[in-house]
């Protein structure tokens, strides 16, 4: 039975699962039936952060344009252009055992592609969630349903994996940003062209 988290709640992933190294982070959402003149394309990204709360290099930003971290610790499983269907819309495989030593946190974000041009925002998104399951057994370890707290935001931080001593924990964040992917990149120290 997975742990269902509330906003701001933290839970250890590895304490009750010794030896856990390979997990899958699944993110999903449904789109309200508003006609915005275009389909919704939501994009998942992971920012691998140091103690400073920033990336140490551009390769620490894993997204549809950079699917694999050089260390092999984070692998984006591909861009879903529509969000149609049930279950996870996008997934990332995480290998906890090869995350570089200087990385202490991984933030999982979702942005709306071309949100301004398409007049779209997270207020038009329903049933957004992030979940983590054991890649080997398929057991779901935790789940966080974001609820409907958003209005005009075009980007959101769903949650964070972070290192606490020798264990990996998860923090349910659920905070929105205006300014889409560019705002997230600026926040996490990624230079955008």
Protein backbone atom coordinates (compact mmCIF):
# COMPACT_ATOMS: atom_id res chain seq x y z
CA UNK A 1 0.00 0.00 0.00
CA UNK A 2 1.61 3.29 -1.06
CA UNK A 3 1.95 6.24 1.27
CA UNK A 4 -0.43 9.01 0.13
CA UNK A 5 1.12 12.37 0.88
CA UNK A 6 -0.29 15.80 1.61
CA UNK A 7 1.35 19.03 0.41
CA UNK A 8 4.53 19.69 2.39
CA UNK A 9 4.73 16.16 3.78
CA UNK A 10 8.10 14.36 3.73
CA UNK A 11 8.68 10.60 3.75
CA UNK A 12 11.76 8.39 3.57
CA UNK A 13 12.04 6.18 0.50
CA UNK A 14 15.03 4.09 1.51
CA UNK A 15 14.60 3.70 5.29
CA UNK A 16 11.88 1.05 5.03
CA UNK A 17 13.26 -0.28 1.74
CA UNK A 18 16.94 -1.09 2.35
CA UNK A 19 18.74 -1.85 -0.88
CA UNK A 20 16.24 0.14 -2.94
CA UNK A 21 18.15 1.71 -5.82
CA UNK A 22 16.01 1.74 -8.96
CA UNK A 23 12.75 3.66 -8.86
CA UNK A 24 10.44 5.16 -11.44
CA UNK A 25 8.92 8.60 -10.94
CA UNK A 26 5.59 8.81 -12.76
CA UNK A 27 3.78 12.09 -13.33
CA UNK A 28 0.27 12.44 -14.68
CA UNK A 29 -2.57 14.84 -15.29
CA UNK A 30 -5.90 15.29 -17.03
CA UNK A 31 -6.92 18.33 -19.02
CA UNK A 32 -10.18 20.21 -18.36
CA UNK A 33 -12.51 20.43 -21.30
CA UNK A 34 -11.89 24.13 -21.93
CA UNK A 35 -11.40 25.01 -25.57
CA UNK A 36 -8.14 26.91 -25.65
CA UNK A 37 -7.67 26.51 -29.39
CA UNK A 38 -4.93 23.89 -29.04
CA UNK A 39 -4.01 20.68 -27.33
CA UNK A 40 -2.10 20.69 -24.05
CA UNK A 41 1.50 19.53 -24.15
CA UNK A 42 2.84 19.20 -20.62
CA UNK A 43 6.53 18.50 -20.15
CA UNK A 44 8.24 16.84 -17.22
CA UNK A 45 11.78 17.80 -16.22
CA UNK A 46 14.23 16.95 -13.45
CA UNK A 47 16.73 19.40 -12.01
CA UNK A 48 19.67 17.70 -10.24
CA UNK A 49 20.68 20.18 -7.58
CA UNK A 50 23.67 20.69 -5.30
CA UNK A 51 23.52 22.05 -1.73
CA UNK A 52 23.25 25.53 -3.26
CA UNK A 53 19.81 24.67 -4.67
CA UNK A 54 21.18 25.14 -8.19
CA UNK A 55 22.44 22.86 -10.95
CA UNK A 56 26.24 22.62 -11.22
CA UNK A 57 26.18 22.29 -15.03
CA UNK A 58 23.64 22.31 -17.86
CA UNK A 59 23.66 18.47 -18.08
CA UNK A 60 22.04 18.43 -14.60
CA UNK A 61 18.80 19.53 -16.30
CA UNK A 62 17.04 16.42 -17.70
CA UNK A 63 14.08 17.10 -20.02
CA UNK A 64 12.74 16.25 -23.50
CA UNK A 65 15.83 17.88 -25.06
CA UNK A 66 18.30 16.00 -22.80
CA UNK A 67 16.81 12.61 -21.93
CA UNK A 68 19.75 11.11 -20.03
CA UNK A 69 21.97 12.44 -17.27
CA UNK A 70 25.66 11.64 -18.03
CA UNK A 71 25.91 9.63 -14.77
CA UNK A 72 23.05 7.33 -15.79
CA UNK A 73 21.21 8.31 -12.61
CA UNK A 74 18.20 9.95 -14.34
CA UNK A 75 16.58 8.82 -17.57
CA UNK A 76 13.58 10.63 -19.07
CA UNK A 77 11.34 8.06 -20.77
CA UNK A 78 10.12 10.41 -23.51
CA UNK A 79 7.75 13.26 -24.25
CA UNK A 80 3.99 12.64 -24.22
CA UNK A 81 2.52 15.33 -26.46
CA UNK A 82 -1.15 15.00 -25.45
CA UNK A 83 -1.55 13.62 -21.91
CA UNK A 84 -4.30 11.33 -23.20
CA UNK A 85 -5.12 8.10 -21.41
CA UNK A 86 -4.93 6.88 -17.83
CA UNK A 87 -1.94 6.37 -15.58
CA UNK A 88 1.43 8.10 -15.85
CA UNK A 89 1.73 10.61 -18.67
CA UNK A 90 5.50 10.87 -18.41
CA UNK A 91 8.06 8.87 -16.45
CA UNK A 92 11.65 9.15 -15.31
CA UNK A 93 13.81 6.24 -14.18
CA UNK A 94 16.05 7.07 -11.23
CA UNK A 95 19.04 4.98 -10.15
CA UNK A 96 19.74 6.16 -6.60
CA UNK A 97 23.01 4.22 -6.42
CA UNK A 98 24.73 6.25 -9.18
CA UNK A 99 23.52 9.77 -8.39
CA UNK A 100 26.69 11.90 -8.31
CA UNK A 101 28.00 12.70 -4.81
CA UNK A 102 27.51 16.47 -5.25
CA UNK A 103 23.79 16.08 -6.06
CA UNK A 104 21.69 16.34 -2.90
CA UNK A 105 18.24 17.02 -4.37
CA UNK A 106 16.28 16.26 -7.55
CA UNK A 107 13.31 18.52 -8.26
CA UNK A 108 10.57 17.14 -10.52
CA UNK A 109 8.70 19.80 -12.46
CA UNK A 110 5.99 20.05 -15.08
CA UNK A 111 5.54 22.93 -17.51
CA UNK A 112 2.99 23.69 -20.20
CA UNK A 113 4.61 23.98 -23.61
CA UNK A 114 3.81 27.29 -25.37
CA UNK A 115 1.38 28.14 -22.54
CA UNK A 116 1.22 31.87 -23.31
CA UNK A 117 0.58 31.43 -27.04
CA UNK A 118 -2.08 28.78 -26.37
CA UNK A 119 -3.60 30.70 -23.42
CA UNK A 120 -3.21 27.69 -21.13
CA UNK A 121 -2.41 27.36 -17.44
CA UNK A 122 -2.48 24.88 -14.58
CA UNK A 123 -5.97 26.07 -13.61
CA UNK A 124 -7.10 24.03 -16.64
CA UNK A 125 -5.38 20.85 -15.40
CA UNK A 126 -7.10 18.24 -13.21
CA UNK A 127 -5.95 15.20 -11.25
CA UNK A 128 -2.25 16.05 -11.34
CA UNK A 129 -0.09 13.60 -9.42
CA UNK A 130 3.42 12.33 -8.86
CA UNK A 131 4.13 8.80 -7.72
CA UNK A 132 7.23 6.71 -7.13
CA UNK A 133 7.39 2.97 -7.56
CA UNK A 134 10.06 0.28 -7.28
CA UNK A 135 11.28 -0.47 -10.83
CA UNK A 136 12.13 -4.07 -9.88
CA UNK A 137 8.95 -5.14 -8.03
CA UNK A 138 6.49 -2.63 -9.50
CA UNK A 139 5.30 -1.77 -5.97
CA UNK A 140 4.07 1.79 -5.62
CA UNK A 141 5.92 3.40 -2.71
CA UNK A 142 4.30 6.82 -2.51
CA UNK A 143 1.83 9.06 -4.27
CA UNK A 144 1.03 12.75 -4.03
CA UNK A 145 -2.13 14.14 -5.63
CA UNK A 146 -1.62 17.86 -6.11
CA UNK A 147 -5.26 18.90 -5.80
CA UNK A 148 -6.67 21.90 -7.62
CA UNK A 149 -4.62 24.70 -6.05
CA UNK A 150 -3.56 26.31 -9.30
CA UNK A 151 -4.96 29.15 -11.38
CA UNK A 152 -2.71 31.12 -13.73
CA UNK A 153 0.58 29.22 -13.20
CA UNK A 154 2.29 27.73 -16.27
CA UNK A 155 4.85 25.63 -14.38
CA UNK A 156 4.81 23.59 -11.19
CA UNK A 157 7.24 21.79 -8.93
CA UNK A 158 5.47 18.50 -8.12
CA UNK A 159 8.01 17.13 -5.65
CA UNK A 160 11.64 16.57 -4.70
CA UNK A 161 13.84 13.59 -3.91
CA UNK A 162 16.49 14.67 -1.45
CA UNK A 163 19.38 13.16 0.46
CA UNK A 164 19.27 13.20 4.24
CA UNK A 165 22.37 11.53 5.63
CA UNK A 166 22.48 8.11 3.98
CA UNK A 167 18.81 7.96 3.04
CA UNK A 168 16.74 9.36 0.20
CA UNK A 169 13.51 11.11 1.12
CA UNK A 170 10.66 12.63 -0.87
CA UNK A 171 9.07 16.02 -0.26
CA UNK A 172 5.59 16.75 -1.69
CA UNK A 173 5.96 20.32 -2.96
CA UNK A 174 3.03 21.20 -5.25
CA UNK A 175 4.02 24.82 -5.85
CA UNK A 176 3.26 26.78 -8.99
CA UNK A 177 5.35 29.24 -10.98
CA UNK A 178 4.42 31.86 -13.52
CA UNK A 179 6.70 32.21 -16.54
CA UNK A 180 6.87 28.55 -17.54
CA UNK A 181 10.09 26.66 -18.09
CA UNK A 182 12.20 29.83 -18.29
CA UNK A 183 11.16 30.75 -14.72
CA UNK A 184 12.08 27.28 -13.43
CA UNK A 185 15.43 27.37 -15.23
CA UNK A 186 16.21 30.77 -13.74
CA UNK A 187 15.21 29.50 -10.28
CA UNK A 188 17.50 26.46 -10.54
CA UNK A 189 20.44 28.18 -12.24
CA UNK A 190 20.09 26.78 -15.78
CA UNK A 191 21.21 29.16 -18.54
CA UNK A 192 18.60 29.26 -21.29
CA UNK A 193 19.23 30.54 -24.77
